[in-house]
């Protein structure tokens, strides 16, 4: 059983991750590259020429600034490779999460249940946190990192628990508590910056937020479909009995 869970989780994550990595190249990655050009232009202007000095082009300033922020893969094939690697790792984690949820809940692992769990995972870890903290492009204004991480994790956990209570417990009070738990993080509010300033045009930021949610939804769906497809096909085959003449 454990070997089957590990095999299905790894294969489902690999297949779904590879598929969505290709989708990212024509959806979210071009917007990230475009946003980085605005960010680099802004840094170059901030380090503009001083009186009596001759400076190089803006691109050089942007490159120097980027080198202070730590290593990042070069554009082109290296970036595609590392982005794909991160997407596959995320998909594998999703697959193990779905398999663990279905196993401990006693649900049969099939296409219908895997897809239902995938949709619930997207709601808990995609839609609900995005209602307070939308996906952000480089150069976007944002609140304190630690506060955002805490709010995101708390929102995802509260939403997952609320969905489980509402769908699993046949009790009016439990369902009422689930609704309160679902709304609580949003009533508290996500941490935001004091001033909403961004180097990136609002139209590009809005496109990125929408595309990111669609891609994330596709990733969850692909993982669920892959699990439903692979699970029955990787079942342990019964040992053949020797034929007695």
C-alpha atoms as a PDB file:
ATOM      1  CA  UNK A   1       0.000   0.000   0.000  1.00  0.00           C
ATOM      2  CA  UNK A   2       2.760   2.446   0.944  1.00  0.00           C
ATOM      3  CA  UNK A   3       4.709   1.657  -2.216  1.00  0.00           C
ATOM      4  CA  UNK A   4       1.586   2.233  -4.280  1.00  0.00           C
ATOM      5  CA  UNK A   5       0.912   5.578  -2.576  1.00  0.00           C
ATOM      6  CA  UNK A   6       4.484   6.734  -3.165  1.00  0.00           C
ATOM      7  CA  UNK A   7       4.492   5.593  -6.789  1.00  0.00           C
ATOM      8  CA  UNK A   8       1.165   7.216  -7.638  1.00  0.00           C
ATOM      9  CA  UNK A   9       2.080  10.433  -5.828  1.00  0.00           C
ATOM     10  CA  UNK A  10       5.410  10.787  -7.608  1.00  0.00           C
ATOM     11  CA  UNK A  11       4.097   9.862 -11.056  1.00  0.00           C
ATOM     12  CA  UNK A  12       0.957  11.998 -10.773  1.00  0.00           C
ATOM     13  CA  UNK A  13       2.992  14.983  -9.620  1.00  0.00           C
ATOM     14  CA  UNK A  14       5.535  14.493 -12.389  1.00  0.00           C
ATOM     15  CA  UNK A  15       2.934  14.244 -15.147  1.00  0.00           C
ATOM     16  CA  UNK A  16       0.812  17.136 -13.889  1.00  0.00           C
ATOM     17  CA  UNK A  17       3.861  19.292 -13.163  1.00  0.00           C
ATOM     18  CA  UNK A  18       5.330  18.805 -16.631  1.00  0.00           C
ATOM     19  CA  UNK A  19       2.015  19.654 -18.275  1.00  0.00           C
ATOM     20  CA  UNK A  20       1.436  22.820 -16.256  1.00  0.00           C
ATOM     21  CA  UNK A  21       5.076  23.889 -16.621  1.00  0.00           C
ATOM     22  CA  UNK A  22       4.418  24.110 -20.359  1.00  0.00           C
ATOM     23  CA  UNK A  23       1.206  26.045 -19.733  1.00  0.00           C
ATOM     24  CA  UNK A  24       3.100  28.526 -17.547  1.00  0.00           C
ATOM     25  CA  UNK A  25       5.458  29.366 -20.392  1.00  0.00           C
ATOM     26  CA  UNK A  26       2.621  30.913 -22.395  1.00  0.00           C
ATOM     27  CA  UNK A  27       0.537  32.334 -19.535  1.00  0.00           C
ATOM     28  CA  UNK A  28       2.290  33.603 -16.392  1.00  0.00           C
ATOM     29  CA  UNK A  29       5.996  33.563 -17.313  1.00  0.00           C
ATOM     30  CA  UNK A  30       5.699  36.232 -20.060  1.00  0.00           C
ATOM     31  CA  UNK A  31       3.965  38.555 -17.581  1.00  0.00           C
ATOM     32  CA  UNK A  32       6.690  37.979 -14.972  1.00  0.00           C
ATOM     33  CA  UNK A  33       9.382  38.832 -17.527  1.00  0.00           C
ATOM     34  CA  UNK A  34       7.449  41.941 -18.551  1.00  0.00           C
ATOM     35  CA  UNK A  35       7.063  43.029 -14.923  1.00  0.00           C
ATOM     36  CA  UNK A  36      10.790  42.589 -14.351  1.00  0.00           C
ATOM     37  CA  UNK A  37      11.517  45.036 -17.159  1.00  0.00           C
ATOM     38  CA  UNK A  38       9.414  47.680 -15.381  1.00  0.00           C
ATOM     39  CA  UNK A  39      11.159  46.899 -12.100  1.00  0.00           C
ATOM     40  CA  UNK A  40      14.601  47.155 -13.676  1.00  0.00           C
ATOM     41  CA  UNK A  41      13.724  50.414 -15.427  1.00  0.00           C
ATOM     42  CA  UNK A  42      12.591  51.852 -12.113  1.00  0.00           C
ATOM     43  CA  UNK A  43      15.818  50.826 -10.394  1.00  0.00           C
ATOM     44  CA  UNK A  44      17.810  52.325 -13.226  1.00  0.00           C
ATOM     45  CA  UNK A  45      15.983  55.639 -12.952  1.00  0.00           C
ATOM     46  CA  UNK A  46      16.429  55.631  -9.176  1.00  0.00           C
ATOM     47  CA  UNK A  47      20.170  55.374  -9.739  1.00  0.00           C
ATOM     48  CA  UNK A  48      20.044  58.074 -12.382  1.00  0.00           C
ATOM     49  CA  UNK A  49      23.074  60.163 -13.503  1.00  0.00           C
ATOM     50  CA  UNK A  50      24.643  62.535 -11.029  1.00  0.00           C
ATOM     51  CA  UNK A  51      25.791  65.985 -12.196  1.00  0.00           C
ATOM     52  CA  UNK A  52      29.194  65.877 -13.837  1.00  0.00           C
ATOM     53  CA  UNK A  53      29.296  62.080 -14.155  1.00  0.00           C
ATOM     54  CA  UNK A  54      28.920  59.837 -17.179  1.00  0.00           C
ATOM     55  CA  UNK A  55      26.932  56.679 -16.524  1.00  0.00           C
ATOM     56  CA  UNK A  56      26.197  53.614 -18.595  1.00  0.00           C
ATOM     57  CA  UNK A  57      22.783  52.569 -19.810  1.00  0.00           C
ATOM     58  CA  UNK A  58      19.922  51.753 -17.480  1.00  0.00           C
ATOM     59  CA  UNK A  59      20.333  48.048 -18.178  1.00  0.00           C
ATOM     60  CA  UNK A  60      23.684  48.026 -16.420  1.00  0.00           C
ATOM     61  CA  UNK A  61      22.236  49.597 -13.289  1.00  0.00           C
ATOM     62  CA  UNK A  62      19.402  47.093 -13.258  1.00  0.00           C
ATOM     63  CA  UNK A  63      21.836  44.241 -13.626  1.00  0.00           C
ATOM     64  CA  UNK A  64      23.966  45.506 -10.765  1.00  0.00           C
ATOM     65  CA  UNK A  65      20.930  45.895  -8.533  1.00  0.00           C
ATOM     66  CA  UNK A  66      19.718  42.401  -9.356  1.00  0.00           C
ATOM     67  CA  UNK A  67      23.078  40.936  -8.400  1.00  0.00           C
ATOM     68  CA  UNK A  68      22.587  42.288  -4.868  1.00  0.00           C
ATOM     69  CA  UNK A  69      19.309  40.412  -4.489  1.00  0.00           C
ATOM     70  CA  UNK A  70      20.893  36.970  -4.774  1.00  0.00           C
ATOM     71  CA  UNK A  71      21.146  34.338  -7.458  1.00  0.00           C
ATOM     72  CA  UNK A  72      18.394  33.736  -9.964  1.00  0.00           C
ATOM     73  CA  UNK A  73      18.390  31.611 -13.116  1.00  0.00           C
ATOM     74  CA  UNK A  74      19.160  33.257 -16.419  1.00  0.00           C
ATOM     75  CA  UNK A  75      16.352  33.816 -18.880  1.00  0.00           C
ATOM     76  CA  UNK A  76      15.666  31.122 -21.435  1.00  0.00           C
ATOM     77  CA  UNK A  77      16.333  27.441 -20.865  1.00  0.00           C
ATOM     78  CA  UNK A  78      17.795  27.767 -17.311  1.00  0.00           C
ATOM     79  CA  UNK A  79      14.731  29.668 -16.149  1.00  0.00           C
ATOM     80  CA  UNK A  80      12.386  27.179 -17.791  1.00  0.00           C
ATOM     81  CA  UNK A  81      14.247  24.288 -16.148  1.00  0.00           C
ATOM     82  CA  UNK A  82      14.131  25.676 -12.609  1.00  0.00           C
ATOM     83  CA  UNK A  83      10.544  26.895 -12.975  1.00  0.00           C
ATOM     84  CA  UNK A  84       9.512  23.461 -14.210  1.00  0.00           C
ATOM     85  CA  UNK A  85      11.387  21.814 -11.340  1.00  0.00           C
ATOM     86  CA  UNK A  86       9.551  23.982  -8.806  1.00  0.00           C
ATOM     87  CA  UNK A  87       6.202  23.266 -10.474  1.00  0.00           C
ATOM     88  CA  UNK A  88       6.827  19.509 -10.455  1.00  0.00           C
ATOM     89  CA  UNK A  89       7.859  19.602  -6.786  1.00  0.00           C
ATOM     90  CA  UNK A  90       4.674  21.527  -5.973  1.00  0.00           C
ATOM     91  CA  UNK A  91       2.556  19.046  -7.924  1.00  0.00           C
ATOM     92  CA  UNK A  92       4.151  16.089  -6.123  1.00  0.00           C
ATOM     93  CA  UNK A  93       3.357  17.735  -2.789  1.00  0.00           C
ATOM     94  CA  UNK A  94      -0.240  18.263  -3.900  1.00  0.00           C
ATOM     95  CA  UNK A  95      -0.528  14.628  -4.965  1.00  0.00           C
ATOM     96  CA  UNK A  96       0.705  13.337  -1.612  1.00  0.00           C
ATOM     97  CA  UNK A  97      -1.649  15.741   0.170  1.00  0.00           C
ATOM     98  CA  UNK A  98      -4.653  14.465  -1.785  1.00  0.00           C
ATOM     99  CA  UNK A  99      -3.673  10.828  -1.319  1.00  0.00           C
ATOM    100  CA  UNK A 100      -3.176  11.327   2.415  1.00  0.00           C
ATOM    101  CA  UNK A 101      -6.536  13.077   2.733  1.00  0.00           C
ATOM    102  CA  UNK A 102      -8.429  10.343   0.911  1.00  0.00           C
ATOM    103  CA  UNK A 103      -6.606   7.596   2.798  1.00  0.00           C
ATOM    104  CA  UNK A 104      -7.197   8.976   6.292  1.00  0.00           C
ATOM    105  CA  UNK A 105     -10.800   9.930   5.480  1.00  0.00           C
ATOM    106  CA  UNK A 106     -11.566   6.438   4.268  1.00  0.00           C
ATOM    107  CA  UNK A 107     -12.615   7.625   0.811  1.00  0.00           C
ATOM    108  CA  UNK A 108     -12.002   5.321  -2.140  1.00  0.00           C
ATOM    109  CA  UNK A 109      -9.161   6.532  -4.337  1.00  0.00           C
ATOM    110  CA  UNK A 110     -10.721   6.860  -7.764  1.00  0.00           C
ATOM    111  CA  UNK A 111     -11.209   9.505 -10.416  1.00  0.00           C
ATOM    112  CA  UNK A 112     -14.336  11.054  -8.902  1.00  0.00           C
ATOM    113  CA  UNK A 113     -13.012  11.362  -5.358  1.00  0.00           C
ATOM    114  CA  UNK A 114      -9.550  12.493  -6.481  1.00  0.00           C
ATOM    115  CA  UNK A 115     -11.073  15.288  -8.564  1.00  0.00           C
ATOM    116  CA  UNK A 116     -13.384  16.331  -5.718  1.00  0.00           C
ATOM    117  CA  UNK A 117     -10.456  16.492  -3.298  1.00  0.00           C
ATOM    118  CA  UNK A 118      -8.445  18.445  -5.871  1.00  0.00           C
ATOM    119  CA  UNK A 119     -11.216  21.035  -6.192  1.00  0.00           C
ATOM    120  CA  UNK A 120     -11.373  21.342  -2.403  1.00  0.00           C
ATOM    121  CA  UNK A 121      -7.597  21.760  -2.314  1.00  0.00           C
ATOM    122  CA  UNK A 122      -7.785  24.562  -4.864  1.00  0.00           C
ATOM    123  CA  UNK A 123     -10.497  26.327  -2.878  1.00  0.00           C
ATOM    124  CA  UNK A 124      -8.529  26.034   0.373  1.00  0.00           C
ATOM    125  CA  UNK A 125      -5.051  26.841  -0.945  1.00  0.00           C
ATOM    126  CA  UNK A 126      -5.870  28.905  -4.011  1.00  0.00           C
ATOM    127  CA  UNK A 127      -9.135  30.818  -4.043  1.00  0.00           C
ATOM    128  CA  UNK A 128      -9.500  31.528  -0.320  1.00  0.00           C
ATOM    129  CA  UNK A 129      -6.004  32.996   0.251  1.00  0.00           C
ATOM    130  CA  UNK A 130      -6.207  34.893  -3.057  1.00  0.00           C
ATOM    131  CA  UNK A 131      -9.333  36.673  -1.828  1.00  0.00           C
ATOM    132  CA  UNK A 132      -7.069  38.535   0.592  1.00  0.00           C
ATOM    133  CA  UNK A 133      -3.627  38.241  -0.966  1.00  0.00           C
ATOM    134  CA  UNK A 134      -3.764  38.086  -4.742  1.00  0.00           C
ATOM    135  CA  UNK A 135      -0.798  36.619  -6.654  1.00  0.00           C
ATOM    136  CA  UNK A 136       1.813  39.363  -7.022  1.00  0.00           C
ATOM    137  CA  UNK A 137       4.271  40.313  -9.732  1.00  0.00           C
ATOM    138  CA  UNK A 138       7.821  41.545  -9.066  1.00  0.00           C
ATOM    139  CA  UNK A 139       7.710  45.205  -8.117  1.00  0.00           C
ATOM    140  CA  UNK A 140       4.241  45.051  -6.557  1.00  0.00           C
ATOM    141  CA  UNK A 141       3.607  46.698  -3.208  1.00  0.00           C
ATOM    142  CA  UNK A 142       3.109  44.220  -0.380  1.00  0.00           C
ATOM    143  CA  UNK A 143       2.906  43.987   3.377  1.00  0.00           C
ATOM    144  CA  UNK A 144       5.405  42.404   5.747  1.00  0.00           C
ATOM    145  CA  UNK A 145       6.487  38.981   4.498  1.00  0.00           C
ATOM    146  CA  UNK A 146       6.099  37.117   7.810  1.00  0.00           C
ATOM    147  CA  UNK A 147       2.629  38.555   8.417  1.00  0.00           C
ATOM    148  CA  UNK A 148       1.512  37.554   4.920  1.00  0.00           C
ATOM    149  CA  UNK A 149       2.866  34.031   5.337  1.00  0.00           C
ATOM    150  CA  UNK A 150       1.111  33.586   8.679  1.00  0.00           C
ATOM    151  CA  UNK A 151      -2.180  34.887   7.274  1.00  0.00           C
ATOM    152  CA  UNK A 152      -1.905  32.695   4.168  1.00  0.00           C
ATOM    153  CA  UNK A 153      -1.228  29.513   6.162  1.00  0.00           C
ATOM    154  CA  UNK A 154      -3.976  30.312   8.679  1.00  0.00           C
ATOM    155  CA  UNK A 155      -6.467  31.012   5.887  1.00  0.00           C
ATOM    156  CA  UNK A 156      -5.646  27.811   4.011  1.00  0.00           C
ATOM    157  CA  UNK A 157      -5.891  25.727   7.203  1.00  0.00           C
ATOM    158  CA  UNK A 158      -9.136  27.396   8.324  1.00  0.00           C
ATOM    159  CA  UNK A 159     -10.708  26.940   4.889  1.00  0.00           C
ATOM    160  CA  UNK A 160      -9.698  23.285   4.691  1.00  0.00           C
ATOM    161  CA  UNK A 161     -11.106  22.588   8.153  1.00  0.00           C
ATOM    162  CA  UNK A 162     -14.287  24.534   7.372  1.00  0.00           C
ATOM    163  CA  UNK A 163     -14.854  22.547   4.174  1.00  0.00           C
ATOM    164  CA  UNK A 164     -14.330  19.279   6.032  1.00  0.00           C
ATOM    165  CA  UNK A 165     -16.758  20.280   8.804  1.00  0.00           C
ATOM    166  CA  UNK A 166     -19.408  21.512   6.386  1.00  0.00           C
ATOM    167  CA  UNK A 167     -19.252  18.480   4.089  1.00  0.00           C
ATOM    168  CA  UNK A 168     -18.588  15.727   6.628  1.00  0.00           C
ATOM    169  CA  UNK A 169     -20.560  16.676   9.733  1.00  0.00           C
ATOM    170  CA  UNK A 170     -24.327  16.384   9.469  1.00  0.00           C
ATOM    171  CA  UNK A 171     -24.999  18.870  12.245  1.00  0.00           C
ATOM    172  CA  UNK A 172     -26.466  22.381  11.848  1.00  0.00           C
ATOM    173  CA  UNK A 173     -24.268  23.840  14.594  1.00  0.00           C
ATOM    174  CA  UNK A 174     -21.152  22.287  13.085  1.00  0.00           C
ATOM    175  CA  UNK A 175     -22.008  23.724   9.678  1.00  0.00           C
ATOM    176  CA  UNK A 176     -22.663  27.137  11.201  1.00  0.00           C
ATOM    177  CA  UNK A 177     -19.271  26.950  12.919  1.00  0.00           C
ATOM    178  CA  UNK A 178     -17.731  25.979   9.571  1.00  0.00           C
ATOM    179  CA  UNK A 179     -19.143  29.105   7.920  1.00  0.00           C
ATOM    180  CA  UNK A 180     -17.798  31.289  10.740  1.00  0.00           C
ATOM    181  CA  UNK A 181     -14.392  29.610  10.445  1.00  0.00           C
ATOM    182  CA  UNK A 182     -14.427  30.108   6.686  1.00  0.00           C
ATOM    183  CA  UNK A 183     -15.110  33.843   7.019  1.00  0.00           C
ATOM    184  CA  UNK A 184     -12.886  34.520  10.042  1.00  0.00           C
ATOM    185  CA  UNK A 185      -9.557  35.136   8.227  1.00  0.00           C
ATOM    186  CA  UNK A 186     -11.219  37.558   5.818  1.00  0.00           C
ATOM    187  CA  UNK A 187     -13.006  39.421   8.615  1.00  0.00           C
ATOM    188  CA  UNK A 188      -9.655  39.802  10.379  1.00  0.00           C
ATOM    189  CA  UNK A 189      -8.138  40.956   7.105  1.00  0.00           C
ATOM    190  CA  UNK A 190      -4.953  40.194   5.238  1.00  0.00           C
ATOM    191  CA  UNK A 191      -1.837  42.319   5.879  1.00  0.00           C
ATOM    192  CA  UNK A 192      -1.440  44.970   3.196  1.00  0.00           C
ATOM    193  CA  UNK A 193       1.043  47.820   2.665  1.00  0.00           C
ATOM    194  CA  UNK A 194       0.189  51.295   3.912  1.00  0.00           C
ATOM    195  CA  UNK A 195       0.341  52.638   0.364  1.00  0.00           C
ATOM    196  CA  UNK A 196      -0.586  50.657  -2.731  1.00  0.00           C
ATOM    197  CA  UNK A 197       2.225  51.612  -5.057  1.00  0.00           C
ATOM    198  CA  UNK A 198       3.505  49.462  -7.885  1.00  0.00           C
ATOM    199  CA  UNK A 199       5.993  49.845 -10.698  1.00  0.00           C
ATOM    200  CA  UNK A 200       3.886  47.511 -12.832  1.00  0.00           C
ATOM    201  CA  UNK A 201       0.759  48.773 -14.665  1.00  0.00           C
ATOM    202  CA  UNK A 202      -2.473  47.657 -13.027  1.00  0.00           C
ATOM    203  CA  UNK A 203      -3.647  45.904 -16.204  1.00  0.00           C
ATOM    204  CA  UNK A 204      -0.612  43.598 -16.181  1.00  0.00           C
ATOM    205  CA  UNK A 205      -0.983  42.887 -12.452  1.00  0.00           C
ATOM    206  CA  UNK A 206      -4.665  42.030 -12.927  1.00  0.00           C
ATOM    207  CA  UNK A 207      -3.870  39.710 -15.830  1.00  0.00           C
ATOM    208  CA  UNK A 208      -1.210  37.966 -13.760  1.00  0.00           C
ATOM    209  CA  UNK A 209      -3.520  37.448 -10.788  1.00  0.00           C
ATOM    210  CA  UNK A 210      -6.237  35.983 -13.014  1.00  0.00           C
ATOM    211  CA  UNK A 211      -3.881  33.760 -14.985  1.00  0.00           C
ATOM    212  CA  UNK A 212      -2.126  32.545 -11.840  1.00  0.00           C
ATOM    213  CA  UNK A 213      -5.409  31.391 -10.328  1.00  0.00           C
ATOM    214  CA  UNK A 214      -6.398  29.645 -13.562  1.00  0.00           C
ATOM    215  CA  UNK A 215      -3.014  27.909 -13.776  1.00  0.00           C
ATOM    216  CA  UNK A 216      -3.214  26.863 -10.135  1.00  0.00           C
ATOM    217  CA  UNK A 217      -6.696  25.493 -10.696  1.00  0.00           C
ATOM    218  CA  UNK A 218      -5.437  23.565 -13.714  1.00  0.00           C
ATOM    219  CA  UNK A 219      -2.566  22.170 -11.654  1.00  0.00           C
ATOM    220  CA  UNK A 220      -4.872  20.893  -8.910  1.00  0.00           C
ATOM    221  CA  UNK A 221      -7.198  19.429 -11.542  1.00  0.00           C
ATOM    222  CA  UNK A 222      -4.350  17.759 -13.424  1.00  0.00           C
ATOM    223  CA  UNK A 223      -3.038  16.211 -10.208  1.00  0.00           C
ATOM    224  CA  UNK A 224      -6.490  14.887  -9.307  1.00  0.00           C
ATOM    225  CA  UNK A 225      -7.069  13.445 -12.780  1.00  0.00           C
ATOM    226  CA  UNK A 226      -3.605  11.855 -12.809  1.00  0.00           C
ATOM    227  CA  UNK A 227      -4.229  10.202  -9.432  1.00  0.00           C
ATOM    228  CA  UNK A 228      -7.578   8.851 -10.594  1.00  0.00           C
ATOM    229  CA  UNK A 229      -5.965   7.478 -13.748  1.00  0.00           C
ATOM    230  CA  UNK A 230      -2.857   5.960 -12.164  1.00  0.00           C
ATOM    231  CA  UNK A 231      -4.266   4.469  -8.958  1.00  0.00           C
ATOM    232  CA  UNK A 232      -6.162   1.504 -10.484  1.00  0.00           C
ATOM    233  CA  UNK A 233      -3.397   0.897 -13.023  1.00  0.00           C
ATOM    234  CA  UNK A 234      -0.678   0.571 -10.388  1.00  0.00           C
ATOM    235  CA  UNK A 235      -2.572  -1.955  -8.293  1.00  0.00           C
ATOM    236  CA  UNK A 236      -0.569  -4.918  -7.085  1.00  0.00           C
ATOM    237  CA  UNK A 237      -1.101  -7.830  -9.413  1.00  0.00           C
ATOM    238  CA  UNK A 238      -1.974 -11.124  -7.724  1.00  0.00           C
ATOM    239  CA  UNK A 239       0.700 -13.757  -7.945  1.00  0.00           C
ATOM    240  CA  UNK A 240       0.021 -16.413 -10.516  1.00  0.00           C
ATOM    241  CA  UNK A 241      -0.412 -19.902  -9.210  1.00  0.00           C
ATOM    242  CA  UNK A 242       1.721 -22.536 -10.841  1.00  0.00           C
ATOM    243  CA  UNK A 243      -0.173 -24.695 -13.261  1.00  0.00           C
ATOM    244  CA  UNK A 244      -0.209 -28.295 -12.083  1.00  0.00           C
ATOM    245  CA  UNK A 245      -0.160 -30.726 -14.982  1.00  0.00           C
END
